Amino acid sequence: LIRPYAGVMMRFGKRSSWGAFANVLMDYSTLRAPDYDYKGFSS
C-alpha cells in the first residue's frame, strides 16, 4: 500500500487539546485478482 495525503487540523481553542481535522487521501494497493479484473486497487 502507498497513500499520499494532505489536510488540515484546527484546535477548538487556544489552549485546547481537542480539535478537528479533515484530509484527502489517495490509496493504491498492488493486490491482483484476475478473476474480478483487479490489477491493483485504488480509491
All heavy atoms as atom14 arrays in JSON, in Angstrom:
{
  "sequence": "LIRPYAGVMMRFGKRSSWGAFANVLMDYSTLRAPDYDYKGFSS",
  "atom14_mask": [
    [1, 1, 1, 1, 1, 1, 1, 1, 0, 0, 0, 0, 0, 0],
    [1, 1, 1, 1, 1, 1, 1, 1, 0, 0, 0, 0, 0, 0],
    [1, 1, 1, 1, 1, 1, 1, 1, 1, 1, 1, 0, 0, 0],
    [1, 1, 1, 1, 1, 1, 1, 0, 0, 0, 0, 0, 0, 0],
    [1, 1, 1, 1, 1, 1, 1, 1, 1, 1, 1, 1, 0, 0],
    [1, 1, 1, 1, 1, 0, 0, 0, 0, 0, 0, 0, 0, 0],
    [1, 1, 1, 1, 0, 0, 0, 0, 0, 0, 0, 0, 0, 0],
    [1, 1, 1, 1, 1, 1, 1, 0, 0, 0, 0, 0, 0, 0],
    [1, 1, 1, 1, 1, 1, 1, 1, 0, 0, 0, 0, 0, 0],
    [1, 1, 1, 1, 1, 1, 1, 1, 0, 0, 0, 0, 0, 0],
    [1, 1, 1, 1, 1, 1, 1, 1, 1, 1, 1, 0, 0, 0],
    [1, 1, 1, 1, 1, 1, 1, 1, 1, 1, 1, 0, 0, 0],
    [1, 1, 1, 1, 0, 0, 0, 0, 0, 0, 0, 0, 0, 0],
    [1, 1, 1, 1, 1, 1, 1, 1, 1, 0, 0, 0, 0, 0],
    [1, 1, 1, 1, 1, 1, 1, 1, 1, 1, 1, 0, 0, 0],
    [1, 1, 1, 1, 1, 1, 0, 0, 0, 0, 0, 0, 0, 0],
    [1, 1, 1, 1, 1, 1, 0, 0, 0, 0, 0, 0, 0, 0],
    [1, 1, 1, 1, 1, 1, 1, 1, 1, 1, 1, 1, 1, 1],
    [1, 1, 1, 1, 0, 0, 0, 0, 0, 0, 0, 0, 0, 0],
    [1, 1, 1, 1, 1, 0, 0, 0, 0, 0, 0, 0, 0, 0],
    [1, 1, 1, 1, 1, 1, 1, 1, 1, 1, 1, 0, 0, 0],
    [1, 1, 1, 1, 1, 0, 0, 0, 0, 0, 0, 0, 0, 0],
    [1, 1, 1, 1, 1, 1, 1, 1, 0, 0, 0, 0, 0, 0],
    [1, 1, 1, 1, 1, 1, 1, 0, 0, 0, 0, 0, 0, 0],
    [1, 1, 1, 1, 1, 1, 1, 1, 0, 0, 0, 0, 0, 0],
    [1, 1, 1, 1, 1, 1, 1, 1, 0, 0, 0, 0, 0, 0],
    [1, 1, 1, 1, 1, 1, 1, 1, 0, 0, 0, 0, 0, 0],
    [1, 1, 1, 1, 1, 1, 1, 1, 1, 1, 1, 1, 0, 0],
    [1, 1, 1, 1, 1, 1, 0, 0, 0, 0, 0, 0, 0, 0],
    [1, 1, 1, 1, 1, 1, 1, 0, 0, 0, 0, 0, 0, 0],
    [1, 1, 1, 1, 1, 1, 1, 1, 0, 0, 0, 0, 0, 0],
    [1, 1, 1, 1, 1, 1, 1, 1, 1, 1, 1, 0, 0, 0],
    [1, 1, 1, 1, 1, 0, 0, 0, 0, 0, 0, 0, 0, 0],
    [1, 1, 1, 1, 1, 1, 1, 0, 0, 0, 0, 0, 0, 0],
    [1, 1, 1, 1, 1, 1, 1, 1, 0, 0, 0, 0, 0, 0],
    [1, 1, 1, 1, 1, 1, 1, 1, 1, 1, 1, 1, 0, 0],
    [1, 1, 1, 1, 1, 1, 1, 1, 0, 0, 0, 0, 0, 0],
    [1, 1, 1, 1, 1, 1, 1, 1, 1, 1, 1, 1, 0, 0],
    [1, 1, 1, 1, 1, 1, 1, 1, 1, 0, 0, 0, 0, 0],
    [1, 1, 1, 1, 0, 0, 0, 0, 0, 0, 0, 0, 0, 0],
    [1, 1, 1, 1, 1, 1, 1, 1, 1, 1, 1, 0, 0, 0],
    [1, 1, 1, 1, 1, 1, 0, 0, 0, 0, 0, 0, 0, 0],
    [1, 1, 1, 1, 1, 1, 0, 0, 0, 0, 0, 0, 0, 0]
  ],
  "atom14_positions": [
    [[0.83, -1.21, 0.0], [0.0, 0.0, 0.0], [0.86, 1.26, 0.0], [1.85, 1.34, 0.73], [-0.9, 0.01, 1.24], [-1.75, 1.26, 1.47], [-2.93, 1.29, 0.5], [-2.25, 1.33, 2.91], [0.0, 0.0, 0.0], [0.0, 0.0, 0.0], [0.0, 0.0, 0.0], [0.0, 0.0, 0.0], [0.0, 0.0, 0.0], [0.0, 0.0, 0.0]],
    [[0.47, 2.24, -0.8], [1.04, 3.58, -0.72], [-0.11, 4.57, -0.63], [-1.14, 4.41, -1.31], [1.95, 3.9, -1.92], [2.57, 5.3, -1.75], [1.22, 3.78, -3.25], [3.69, 5.6, -2.73], [0.0, 0.0, 0.0], [0.0, 0.0, 0.0], [0.0, 0.0, 0.0], [0.0, 0.0, 0.0], [0.0, 0.0, 0.0], [0.0, 0.0, 0.0]],
    [[0.03, 5.58, 0.25], [-1.07, 6.52, 0.49], [-0.54, 7.95, 0.66], [-0.12, 8.35, 1.75], [-1.84, 6.13, 1.74], [-2.89, 7.16, 2.18], [-3.5, 6.82, 3.51], [-4.32, 5.65, 3.42], [-4.44, 4.74, 4.39], [-3.73, 4.86, 5.49], [-5.24, 3.69, 4.24], [0.0, 0.0, 0.0], [0.0, 0.0, 0.0], [0.0, 0.0, 0.0]],
    [[-0.51, 8.75, -0.38], [-0.24, 10.19, -0.2], [-1.5, 10.89, 0.3], [-2.62, 10.49, -0.04], [0.14, 10.65, -1.61], [-0.54, 9.68, -2.52], [-0.63, 8.37, -1.79], [0.0, 0.0, 0.0], [0.0, 0.0, 0.0], [0.0, 0.0, 0.0], [0.0, 0.0, 0.0], [0.0, 0.0, 0.0], [0.0, 0.0, 0.0], [0.0, 0.0, 0.0]],
    [[-1.32, 11.94, 1.09], [-2.48, 12.64, 1.63], [-2.1, 14.06, 2.04], [-0.93, 14.4, 2.2], [-3.06, 11.89, 2.84], [-2.12, 11.74, 4.0], [-2.09, 12.67, 5.05], [-1.23, 10.66, 4.07], [-1.22, 12.52, 6.12], [-0.36, 10.51, 5.13], [-0.36, 11.44, 6.16], [0.51, 11.3, 7.22], [0.0, 0.0, 0.0], [0.0, 0.0, 0.0]],
    [[-3.12, 14.88, 2.21], [-2.93, 16.26, 2.67], [-4.2, 16.68, 3.4], [-5.3, 16.21, 3.1], [-2.66, 17.2, 1.51], [0.0, 0.0, 0.0], [0.0, 0.0, 0.0], [0.0, 0.0, 0.0], [0.0, 0.0, 0.0], [0.0, 0.0, 0.0], [0.0, 0.0, 0.0], [0.0, 0.0, 0.0], [0.0, 0.0, 0.0], [0.0, 0.0, 0.0]],
    [[-4.03, 17.58, 4.37], [-5.2, 18.01, 5.13], [-4.89, 19.17, 6.05], [-3.87, 19.86, 5.9], [0.0, 0.0, 0.0], [0.0, 0.0, 0.0], [0.0, 0.0, 0.0], [0.0, 0.0, 0.0], [0.0, 0.0, 0.0], [0.0, 0.0, 0.0], [0.0, 0.0, 0.0], [0.0, 0.0, 0.0], [0.0, 0.0, 0.0], [0.0, 0.0, 0.0]],
    [[-5.77, 19.36, 7.01], [-5.62, 20.47, 7.95], [-6.19, 20.05, 9.31], [-7.2, 19.32, 9.37], [-6.33, 21.73, 7.42], [-7.83, 21.51, 7.28], [-6.05, 22.94, 8.32], [0.0, 0.0, 0.0], [0.0, 0.0, 0.0], [0.0, 0.0, 0.0], [0.0, 0.0, 0.0], [0.0, 0.0, 0.0], [0.0, 0.0, 0.0], [0.0, 0.0, 0.0]],
    [[-5.53, 20.47, 10.37], [-6.04, 20.31, 11.74], [-6.36, 21.69, 12.3], [-5.68, 22.67, 11.98], [-5.01, 19.62, 12.64], [-4.72, 18.19, 12.27], [-3.63, 17.36, 13.48], [-2.05, 18.18, 13.14], [0.0, 0.0, 0.0], [0.0, 0.0, 0.0], [0.0, 0.0, 0.0], [0.0, 0.0, 0.0], [0.0, 0.0, 0.0], [0.0, 0.0, 0.0]],
    [[-7.38, 21.76, 13.16], [-7.72, 23.03, 13.8], [-8.09, 22.78, 15.25], [-8.94, 21.95, 15.56], [-8.9, 23.7, 13.08], [-9.22, 25.08, 13.65], [-10.62, 25.89, 12.84], [-11.97, 24.91, 13.5], [0.0, 0.0, 0.0], [0.0, 0.0, 0.0], [0.0, 0.0, 0.0], [0.0, 0.0, 0.0], [0.0, 0.0, 0.0], [0.0, 0.0, 0.0]],
    [[-7.43, 23.51, 16.16], [-7.74, 23.4, 17.58], [-9.09, 24.06, 17.87], [-9.44, 25.07, 17.26], [-6.66, 24.08, 18.42], [-5.24, 23.61, 18.14], [-4.27, 24.5, 18.9], [-2.91, 24.39, 18.42], [-1.9, 23.85, 19.12], [-2.12, 23.36, 20.31], [-0.69, 23.81, 18.61], [0.0, 0.0, 0.0], [0.0, 0.0, 0.0], [0.0, 0.0, 0.0]],
    [[-9.82, 23.51, 18.84], [-11.09, 24.1, 19.23], [-10.9, 25.4, 20.01], [-11.76, 26.28, 19.99], [-11.91, 23.12, 20.06], [-12.46, 21.97, 19.26], [-12.58, 20.72, 19.84], [-12.84, 22.14, 17.94], [-13.09, 19.66, 19.11], [-13.35, 21.08, 17.2], [-13.47, 19.83, 17.79], [0.0, 0.0, 0.0], [0.0, 0.0, 0.0], [0.0, 0.0, 0.0]],
    [[-9.78, 25.52, 20.7], [-9.48, 26.73, 21.46], [-7.98, 26.94, 21.53], [-7.19, 26.06, 21.15], [0.0, 0.0, 0.0], [0.0, 0.0, 0.0], [0.0, 0.0, 0.0], [0.0, 0.0, 0.0], [0.0, 0.0, 0.0], [0.0, 0.0, 0.0], [0.0, 0.0, 0.0], [0.0, 0.0, 0.0], [0.0, 0.0, 0.0], [0.0, 0.0, 0.0]],
    [[-7.55, 28.11, 22.02], [-6.13, 28.44, 22.03], [-5.3, 27.45, 22.82], [-4.18, 27.12, 22.45], [-5.92, 29.85, 22.57], [-6.4, 30.95, 21.63], [-6.1, 32.32, 22.22], [-6.53, 33.42, 21.26], [-6.25, 34.77, 21.8], [0.0, 0.0, 0.0], [0.0, 0.0, 0.0], [0.0, 0.0, 0.0], [0.0, 0.0, 0.0], [0.0, 0.0, 0.0]],
    [[-5.85, 26.96, 23.94], [-5.11, 26.02, 24.77], [-5.8, 24.67, 24.86], [-5.54, 23.88, 25.76], [-4.9, 26.62, 26.16], [-4.15, 27.96, 26.16], [-3.65, 28.31, 27.54], [-2.65, 27.37, 28.02], [-1.36, 27.39, 27.69], [-0.9, 28.32, 26.87], [-0.54, 26.49, 28.18], [0.0, 0.0, 0.0], [0.0, 0.0, 0.0], [0.0, 0.0, 0.0]],
    [[-6.68, 24.4, 23.92], [-7.42, 23.14, 23.93], [-6.58, 22.0, 23.37], [-5.86, 22.17, 22.38], [-8.71, 23.28, 23.13], [-9.38, 22.04, 23.04], [0.0, 0.0, 0.0], [0.0, 0.0, 0.0], [0.0, 0.0, 0.0], [0.0, 0.0, 0.0], [0.0, 0.0, 0.0], [0.0, 0.0, 0.0], [0.0, 0.0, 0.0], [0.0, 0.0, 0.0]],
    [[-6.68, 20.83, 24.0], [-6.03, 19.64, 23.46], [-6.86, 19.0, 22.36], [-6.35, 18.16, 21.61], [-5.82, 18.61, 24.58], [-4.91, 19.09, 25.53], [0.0, 0.0, 0.0], [0.0, 0.0, 0.0], [0.0, 0.0, 0.0], [0.0, 0.0, 0.0], [0.0, 0.0, 0.0], [0.0, 0.0, 0.0], [0.0, 0.0, 0.0], [0.0, 0.0, 0.0]],
    [[-8.12, 19.38, 22.27], [-9.02, 18.78, 21.28], [-9.16, 19.67, 20.05], [-9.07, 20.89, 20.14], [-10.4, 18.54, 21.91], [-10.39, 17.47, 22.95], [-10.28, 17.66, 24.3], [-10.48, 16.07, 22.74], [-10.29, 16.45, 24.95], [-10.42, 15.45, 24.02], [-10.6, 15.26, 21.6], [-10.48, 14.07, 24.18], [-10.66, 13.89, 21.76], [-10.61, 13.3, 23.04]],
    [[-9.38, 19.01, 18.93], [-9.56, 19.75, 17.69], [-10.24, 18.89, 16.65], [-10.68, 17.76, 16.92], [0.0, 0.0, 0.0], [0.0, 0.0, 0.0], [0.0, 0.0, 0.0], [0.0, 0.0, 0.0], [0.0, 0.0, 0.0], [0.0, 0.0, 0.0], [0.0, 0.0, 0.0], [0.0, 0.0, 0.0], [0.0, 0.0, 0.0], [0.0, 0.0, 0.0]],
    [[-10.33, 19.42, 15.45], [-10.92, 18.7, 14.32], [-9.9, 18.63, 13.2], [-8.96, 19.42, 13.14], [-12.19, 19.4, 13.86], [0.0, 0.0, 0.0], [0.0, 0.0, 0.0], [0.0, 0.0, 0.0], [0.0, 0.0, 0.0], [0.0, 0.0, 0.0], [0.0, 0.0, 0.0], [0.0, 0.0, 0.0], [0.0, 0.0, 0.0], [0.0, 0.0, 0.0]],
    [[-10.08, 17.66, 12.33], [-9.21, 17.55, 11.16], [-10.04, 17.15, 9.95], [-11.13, 16.58, 10.06], [-8.09, 16.53, 11.4], [-8.54, 15.1, 11.34], [-8.5, 14.38, 10.16], [-9.04, 14.47, 12.48], [-8.92, 13.07, 10.09], [-9.47, 13.15, 12.43], [-9.41, 12.45, 11.23], [0.0, 0.0, 0.0], [0.0, 0.0, 0.0], [0.0, 0.0, 0.0]],
    [[-9.5, 17.44, 8.78], [-10.08, 16.99, 7.51], [-8.93, 16.76, 6.55], [-7.95, 17.51, 6.56], [-11.05, 18.02, 6.96], [0.0, 0.0, 0.0], [0.0, 0.0, 0.0], [0.0, 0.0, 0.0], [0.0, 0.0, 0.0], [0.0, 0.0, 0.0], [0.0, 0.0, 0.0], [0.0, 0.0, 0.0], [0.0, 0.0, 0.0], [0.0, 0.0, 0.0]],
    [[-9.04, 15.72, 5.73], [-7.98, 15.46, 4.77], [-8.53, 14.73, 3.54], [-9.66, 14.25, 3.54], [-6.82, 14.68, 5.4], [-7.26, 13.39, 6.06], [-8.16, 12.71, 5.56], [-6.65, 13.05, 7.18], [0.0, 0.0, 0.0], [0.0, 0.0, 0.0], [0.0, 0.0, 0.0], [0.0, 0.0, 0.0], [0.0, 0.0, 0.0], [0.0, 0.0, 0.0]],
    [[-7.71, 14.69, 2.53], [-7.99, 13.93, 1.31], [-6.86, 12.92, 1.14], [-5.68, 13.26, 1.33], [-8.14, 14.85, 0.08], [-6.88, 15.68, -0.14], [-8.46, 14.04, -1.17], [0.0, 0.0, 0.0], [0.0, 0.0, 0.0], [0.0, 0.0, 0.0], [0.0, 0.0, 0.0], [0.0, 0.0, 0.0], [0.0, 0.0, 0.0], [0.0, 0.0, 0.0]],
    [[-7.22, 11.66, 0.82], [-6.25, 10.59, 0.73], [-6.41, 9.85, -0.6], [-7.52, 9.72, -1.11], [-6.44, 9.57, 1.87], [-6.58, 10.08, 3.3], [-8.05, 10.19, 3.66], [-5.9, 9.15, 4.28], [0.0, 0.0, 0.0], [0.0, 0.0, 0.0], [0.0, 0.0, 0.0], [0.0, 0.0, 0.0], [0.0, 0.0, 0.0], [0.0, 0.0, 0.0]],
    [[-5.29, 9.36, -1.1], [-5.29, 8.55, -2.31], [-4.63, 7.22, -1.98], [-3.44, 7.18, -1.67], [-4.53, 9.26, -3.43], [-4.35, 8.44, -4.69], [-5.87, 8.29, -5.61], [-5.31, 7.3, -7.02], [0.0, 0.0, 0.0], [0.0, 0.0, 0.0], [0.0, 0.0, 0.0], [0.0, 0.0, 0.0], [0.0, 0.0, 0.0], [0.0, 0.0, 0.0]],
    [[-5.41, 6.13, -1.98], [-4.88, 4.8, -1.69], [-4.59, 4.04, -2.97], [-5.4, 4.05, -3.91], [-5.89, 3.99, -0.88], [-5.78, 4.25, 0.62], [-5.15, 5.26, 0.99], [-6.31, 3.44, 1.39], [0.0, 0.0, 0.0], [0.0, 0.0, 0.0], [0.0, 0.0, 0.0], [0.0, 0.0, 0.0], [0.0, 0.0, 0.0], [0.0, 0.0, 0.0]],
    [[-3.44, 3.37, -3.0], [-3.15, 2.45, -4.1], [-2.55, 1.18, -3.52], [-1.55, 1.23, -2.78], [-2.2, 3.04, -5.13], [-1.85, 2.01, -6.19], [-2.78, 1.67, -7.17], [-0.63, 1.33, -6.17], [-2.5, 0.7, -8.12], [-0.34, 0.36, -7.11], [-1.28, 0.05, -8.08], [-1.01, -0.92, -9.01], [0.0, 0.0, 0.0], [0.0, 0.0, 0.0]],
    [[-3.18, 0.04, -3.81], [-2.7, -1.27, -3.38], [-2.3, -2.09, -4.6], [-2.96, -2.04, -5.64], [-3.78, -2.0, -2.59], [-3.4, -3.35, -2.36], [0.0, 0.0, 0.0], [0.0, 0.0, 0.0], [0.0, 0.0, 0.0], [0.0, 0.0, 0.0], [0.0, 0.0, 0.0], [0.0, 0.0, 0.0], [0.0, 0.0, 0.0], [0.0, 0.0, 0.0]],
    [[-1.26, -2.9, -4.44], [-0.76, -3.71, -5.55], [-1.47, -5.06, -5.66], [-1.03, -5.93, -6.42], [0.75, -3.97, -5.38], [0.97, -4.69, -4.16], [1.53, -2.66, -5.37], [0.0, 0.0, 0.0], [0.0, 0.0, 0.0], [0.0, 0.0, 0.0], [0.0, 0.0, 0.0], [0.0, 0.0, 0.0], [0.0, 0.0, 0.0], [0.0, 0.0, 0.0]],
    [[-2.55, -5.26, -4.94], [-3.25, -6.56, -4.98], [-3.63, -6.93, -6.42], [-3.89, -6.06, -7.25], [-4.49, -6.55, -4.09], [-5.72, -5.75, -4.54], [-6.66, -6.57, -5.42], [-6.47, -5.23, -3.34], [0.0, 0.0, 0.0], [0.0, 0.0, 0.0], [0.0, 0.0, 0.0], [0.0, 0.0, 0.0], [0.0, 0.0, 0.0], [0.0, 0.0, 0.0]],
    [[-3.66, -8.23, -6.69], [-4.07, -8.74, -8.0], [-5.18, -9.77, -7.81], [-5.03, -10.71, -7.02], [-2.88, -9.39, -8.72], [-1.76, -8.44, -9.08], [-2.17, -7.5, -10.22], [-1.07, -6.68, -10.7], [-0.75, -5.5, -10.21], [-1.46, -5.0, -9.2], [0.26, -4.8, -10.69], [0.0, 0.0, 0.0], [0.0, 0.0, 0.0], [0.0, 0.0, 0.0]],
    [[-6.29, -9.57, -8.54], [-7.39, -10.52, -8.52], [-7.92, -10.66, -9.95], [-8.93, -10.05, -10.31], [-8.49, -10.06, -7.57], [0.0, 0.0, 0.0], [0.0, 0.0, 0.0], [0.0, 0.0, 0.0], [0.0, 0.0, 0.0], [0.0, 0.0, 0.0], [0.0, 0.0, 0.0], [0.0, 0.0, 0.0], [0.0, 0.0, 0.0], [0.0, 0.0, 0.0]],
    [[-7.26, -11.46, -10.8], [-7.62, -11.55, -12.22], [-9.06, -12.0, -12.45], [-9.69, -11.57, -13.43], [-6.62, -12.58, -12.76], [-5.48, -12.55, -11.81], [-6.07, -12.26, -10.47], [0.0, 0.0, 0.0], [0.0, 0.0, 0.0], [0.0, 0.0, 0.0], [0.0, 0.0, 0.0], [0.0, 0.0, 0.0], [0.0, 0.0, 0.0], [0.0, 0.0, 0.0]],
    [[-9.61, -12.84, -11.57], [-10.98, -13.32, -11.76], [-12.0, -12.18, -11.69], [-13.1, -12.31, -12.23], [-11.32, -14.37, -10.7], [-10.53, -15.67, -10.89], [-9.93, -15.82, -11.98], [-10.52, -16.5, -9.97], [0.0, 0.0, 0.0], [0.0, 0.0, 0.0], [0.0, 0.0, 0.0], [0.0, 0.0, 0.0], [0.0, 0.0, 0.0], [0.0, 0.0, 0.0]],
    [[-11.62, -11.1, -11.01], [-12.51, -9.94, -10.9], [-11.96, -8.73, -11.65], [-12.42, -7.61, -11.46], [-12.71, -9.58, -9.42], [-13.36, -10.7, -8.63], [-12.58, -11.58, -7.89], [-14.74, -10.87, -8.63], [-13.16, -12.61, -7.17], [-15.33, -11.91, -7.9], [-14.53, -12.77, -7.18], [-15.12, -13.79, -6.46], [0.0, 0.0, 0.0], [0.0, 0.0, 0.0]],
    [[-10.94, -8.99, -12.46], [-10.33, -7.96, -13.29], [-9.71, -6.84, -12.47], [-9.72, -5.67, -12.87], [-11.36, -7.38, -14.28], [-10.69, -6.68, -15.46], [-9.54, -7.04, -15.78], [-11.3, -5.76, -16.03], [0.0, 0.0, 0.0], [0.0, 0.0, 0.0], [0.0, 0.0, 0.0], [0.0, 0.0, 0.0], [0.0, 0.0, 0.0], [0.0, 0.0, 0.0]],
    [[-9.16, -7.18, -11.3], [-8.42, -6.2, -10.5], [-6.93, -6.38, -10.73], [-6.36, -7.43, -10.4], [-8.74, -6.36, -9.01], [-10.01, -5.66, -8.59], [-11.13, -6.39, -8.23], [-10.07, -4.27, -8.56], [-12.3, -5.75, -7.85], [-11.22, -3.62, -8.18], [-12.34, -4.36, -7.83], [-13.5, -3.72, -7.45], [0.0, 0.0, 0.0], [0.0, 0.0, 0.0]],
    [[-6.31, -5.35, -11.28], [-4.85, -5.32, -11.45], [-4.27, -4.25, -10.54], [-3.47, -3.42, -10.93], [-4.52, -5.02, -12.92], [-5.1, -6.03, -13.89], [-4.87, -5.62, -15.33], [-5.52, -6.61, -16.28], [-5.35, -6.19, -17.7], [0.0, 0.0, 0.0], [0.0, 0.0, 0.0], [0.0, 0.0, 0.0], [0.0, 0.0, 0.0], [0.0, 0.0, 0.0]],
    [[-4.7, -4.28, -9.3], [-4.43, -3.23, -8.33], [-5.75, -2.67, -7.85], [-6.79, -2.84, -8.51], [0.0, 0.0, 0.0], [0.0, 0.0, 0.0], [0.0, 0.0, 0.0], [0.0, 0.0, 0.0], [0.0, 0.0, 0.0], [0.0, 0.0, 0.0], [0.0, 0.0, 0.0], [0.0, 0.0, 0.0], [0.0, 0.0, 0.0], [0.0, 0.0, 0.0]],
    [[-5.71, -2.03, -6.7], [-6.93, -1.43, -6.17], [-6.61, -0.02, -5.68], [-5.71, 0.18, -4.86], [-7.48, -2.26, -5.01], [-8.79, -1.75, -4.48], [-9.98, -2.13, -5.08], [-8.83, -0.86, -3.41], [-11.2, -1.65, -4.62], [-10.03, -0.39, -2.93], [-11.22, -0.78, -3.54], [0.0, 0.0, 0.0], [0.0, 0.0, 0.0], [0.0, 0.0, 0.0]],
    [[-7.34, 0.96, -6.18], [-7.11, 2.34, -5.77], [-8.42, 3.03, -5.45], [-9.48, 2.65, -5.98], [-6.36, 3.12, -6.86], [-7.1, 3.13, -8.06], [0.0, 0.0, 0.0], [0.0, 0.0, 0.0], [0.0, 0.0, 0.0], [0.0, 0.0, 0.0], [0.0, 0.0, 0.0], [0.0, 0.0, 0.0], [0.0, 0.0, 0.0], [0.0, 0.0, 0.0]],
    [[-8.35, 4.01, -4.58], [-9.53, 4.78, -4.2], [-9.12, 6.18, -3.76], [-8.0, 6.4, -3.3], [-10.3, 4.08, -3.07], [-9.51, 4.0, -1.89], [0.0, 0.0, 0.0], [0.0, 0.0, 0.0], [0.0, 0.0, 0.0], [0.0, 0.0, 0.0], [0.0, 0.0, 0.0], [0.0, 0.0, 0.0], [0.0, 0.0, 0.0], [0.0, 0.0, 0.0]]
  ]
}
